[in-house]
Amino acid sequence: MLLAIDIACLTSHVSIMVTIDIPVRELHARTGHYIRKVNENLRIIVTDRGRPVAEIQILDKGEVARRKWRDRVLLPEFKEVMKKRIGGTGSSQIVSEDRDRGACG
């Protein structure tokens, strides 16, 4: 296991990020342990046969919120409903039309 310490000084606040290297087998055996450690400002480099293959580090809460909306994928059926809704048709009319066509199950 390799240990490194990064120190960042932001105005009067000092933040310390500790980095460790662990083999993928160790991560597999103790995943929950290492995820909890990430929440304690630990960055983990996962290695496979000594080569770095992945990095695990805490996410900025703002970044998590941005990813949720940026990376979402709408189902084709929902896209069709959204098109109809933009045109001013009410949801009960849309559901009724879909039932008449047999589209709802």
Protein backbone atom coordinates (compact mmCIF):
# COMPACT_ATOMS: atom_id res chain seq x y z
CA MET A 1 0.00 0.00 0.00
CA LEU A 2 1.46 3.38 -1.05
CA LEU A 3 0.64 6.50 0.97
CA ALA A 4 0.87 10.10 -0.28
CA ILE A 5 -0.31 13.34 1.27
CA ASP A 6 -1.46 16.40 -0.73
CA ILE A 7 -1.77 19.67 1.18
CA ALA A 8 -3.77 22.50 -0.33
CA CYS A 9 -3.84 25.95 1.27
CA LEU A 10 -6.93 27.94 0.37
CA THR A 11 -6.79 31.34 2.09
CA SER A 12 -6.68 30.52 5.79
CA HIS A 13 -8.13 27.01 5.39
CA VAL A 14 -5.75 24.09 5.03
CA SER A 15 -7.09 20.90 3.52
CA ILE A 16 -5.18 17.62 3.60
CA MET A 17 -5.97 14.86 1.13
CA VAL A 18 -4.37 11.51 1.84
CA THR A 19 -3.89 9.19 -1.12
CA ILE A 20 -3.36 5.44 -0.84
CA ASP A 21 -2.83 2.78 -3.48
CA ILE A 22 -4.65 -0.52 -2.99
CA PRO A 23 -4.86 -3.61 -5.20
CA VAL A 24 -8.22 -4.38 -6.79
CA ARG A 25 -8.38 -7.60 -4.73
CA GLU A 26 -8.16 -5.53 -1.50
CA LEU A 27 -10.91 -3.19 -2.73
CA HIS A 28 -13.10 -6.18 -3.59
CA ALA A 29 -12.62 -7.68 -0.13
CA ARG A 30 -13.20 -4.43 1.80
CA THR A 31 -15.26 -2.14 -0.46
CA GLY A 32 -17.46 -0.73 2.32
CA HIS A 33 -14.44 0.08 4.46
CA TYR A 34 -12.76 2.06 1.68
CA ILE A 35 -15.93 3.90 0.68
CA ARG A 36 -16.28 5.07 4.29
CA LYS A 37 -12.63 6.15 4.24
CA VAL A 38 -13.27 8.28 1.13
CA ASN A 39 -15.78 10.25 3.21
CA GLU A 40 -12.91 10.99 5.62
CA ASN A 41 -10.94 12.85 2.91
CA LEU A 42 -9.03 9.83 1.61
CA ARG A 43 -8.36 9.39 -2.10
CA ILE A 44 -7.83 5.83 -3.29
CA ILE A 45 -5.90 4.70 -6.35
CA VAL A 46 -6.91 1.15 -7.31
CA THR A 47 -4.18 -0.93 -8.93
CA ASP A 48 -4.26 -4.09 -11.00
CA ARG A 49 -0.92 -5.93 -10.96
CA GLY A 50 0.76 -2.74 -9.75
CA ARG A 51 -0.71 -0.50 -12.50
CA PRO A 52 -3.17 2.27 -11.52
CA VAL A 53 -6.56 1.56 -13.12
CA ALA A 54 -9.06 3.66 -11.15
CA GLU A 55 -9.38 6.47 -8.65
CA ILE A 56 -11.96 6.81 -5.89
CA GLN A 57 -12.40 10.17 -4.21
CA ILE A 58 -15.17 12.17 -2.58
CA LEU A 59 -17.46 14.10 -4.92
CA ASP A 60 -18.40 17.72 -4.51
CA LYS A 61 -22.13 17.77 -3.63
CA GLY A 62 -22.73 20.45 -6.28
CA GLU A 63 -21.06 18.26 -8.90
CA VAL A 64 -23.28 15.33 -7.92
CA ALA A 65 -26.40 17.46 -8.43
CA ARG A 66 -25.15 18.70 -11.82
CA ARG A 67 -24.37 15.14 -12.98
CA LYS A 68 -27.84 13.90 -12.06
CA TRP A 69 -29.44 16.32 -14.51
CA ARG A 70 -26.70 16.38 -17.14
CA ASP A 71 -26.41 12.61 -17.51
CA ARG A 72 -30.07 11.66 -17.36
CA VAL A 73 -31.60 9.71 -20.22
CA LEU A 74 -35.29 10.00 -21.01
CA LEU A 75 -37.20 6.97 -22.22
CA PRO A 76 -38.59 7.38 -25.75
CA GLU A 77 -42.16 7.06 -24.41
CA PHE A 78 -41.57 9.94 -22.00
CA LYS A 79 -40.14 12.10 -24.78
CA GLU A 80 -43.37 11.58 -26.73
CA VAL A 81 -45.47 12.59 -23.72
CA MET A 82 -43.33 15.69 -23.24
CA LYS A 83 -43.90 16.70 -26.85
CA LYS A 84 -47.66 16.37 -26.39
CA ARG A 85 -47.55 18.32 -23.10
CA ILE A 86 -45.70 21.21 -24.70
CA GLY A 87 -48.48 21.40 -27.27
CA GLY A 88 -50.99 22.16 -24.50
CA THR A 89 -52.74 18.78 -24.20
CA GLY A 90 -53.64 17.86 -20.62
CA SER A 91 -52.23 14.71 -19.03
CA SER A 92 -55.64 13.06 -18.57
CA GLN A 93 -56.38 13.48 -22.27
CA ILE A 94 -52.98 12.00 -23.18
CA VAL A 95 -53.55 8.99 -20.91
CA SER A 96 -57.04 8.52 -22.34
CA GLU A 97 -55.72 8.63 -25.92
CA ASP A 98 -52.96 6.15 -25.05
CA ARG A 99 -55.53 3.77 -23.51
CA ASP A 100 -57.72 4.03 -26.61
CA ARG A 101 -54.70 3.10 -28.76
CA GLY A 102 -53.77 0.28 -26.36
CA ALA A 103 -50.38 1.88 -25.60
CA CYS A 104 -50.59 1.60 -21.79
CA GLY A 105 -50.31 -2.08 -21.26
